[in-house]
Amino acid sequence: MAKVLYTAEAHVAGGRAHGHARTSDGALEVDLRTPVEMGGEGGGTNPEQLFAVGYAACFESALAGAARRGHVEAGDATIDAKVGLLPTGTGGFTLVVDLDVTLPSITDPDQAVELVRVAHSICPYSNATRGNIDVNLTANGKPVD
């Protein structure tokens, strides 16, 4: 097994309804609240928002790596992430993710799609979720299969 390069540590108490979370280094500290759309009071963040931020940030890093490998410029890339929470029908829940990648420096639609496809193959979040949840990707508005 490969050596672990980095381990993130966080402490959570109180869960999604009235919780509080912080990372071990103190760089992130948030109140957790159930969103109004789910019958909660809102006024804090929730796991789906944190997952959306984490996945988008990780994917952007994978995209930068894919761009370097392909000798293309993609430093102006942006990612809009949506994470949906869906009931499974058996008492549990699952997620669905939409990553809308905008690559202003890449005008060739096929090149943009290929870059996003490569990033998806190396992103740790993509690798962790592959086969477990639906992840829908677009590159400059074009769906990535």
Foldseek 3Di string as FASTA:
>chain_A
DDDDPDDWAKDKPDAQCFIWMATPVRPDIWTHHDDVVVVIDDPTHHPQVVVQVVQQVLLVVLLVVLCVVVVHDQPVKGWDKGKDWADPVPPRIDIAMEIEIERVRDPPQVVQLVSSVSSLVPRPVSVVCVPPYHYWYDGNNHTRD
